[in-house]
Amino acid sequence: MDVHERRQAVKALLAKDPQMGGRSIARLLGVPQTTIRRDLAWLGAGAGAAQFVPQDVSPPVRGGNSVAAQRLIASLDTELAANAAKAGESLSWSATEQAVLQTITDHVDRREGLAAAYAAADNVNVRLKLATEIRLIDHGVARLLGQVQTDLPAPRSVTSQKASRASQSRWNRERLKRGG
């Protein structure tokens, strides 16, 4: 398979499944992943075609967030409330978690806009760029969601508490020996 045929095959695979990753494409075509990475970069550059910068086409919904972002935040709020009720305590988002949640909703809004642009795009090169951006946003959102905690941390065991006290006692003794 020559370069042109391989790149056409990559385009066809991505047109069929825009979420397909480079590793899967490389495996299907029987070529190294670095080759596919170069092909994706070449195709993503439009191979001389005019550059396409997608605009956020999703109309803002209540609060400036898309429906998908609102659903995600609502489900996280519901999970936080359920864990608070189960623990018998009042739980709320910390300032850091609120900032992370805002970033997540911004990413989800951007993804929704790119998905709409992908659906409306006729050019394969444009669709390729949009699919790549969508995949990157999905990975970013998953990473950010790992930073949000909806439950209380597990209480420390008695053994851990004893070990911590012993460690502090040793540390204090050493500090007193040094005179400070």
Foldseek 3Di string as FASTA:
>chain_A
DDPVVLLVVVLVVCVVPLQDDLVVSCVVVVHDSVSSVVSLVCLLVVVPDDHDDADLPDDQDVPRFDPVLVVVVVVLVVLLVVQCVVVVHDDDFDPVLVVLSVVLRVLVSSLVSLVVVLVVDDDSSSVNNSSVSNNVSVVVNVVSVVVDDSHDDDDDDPVVVVVVVVVVVVVVVVCVVVPD
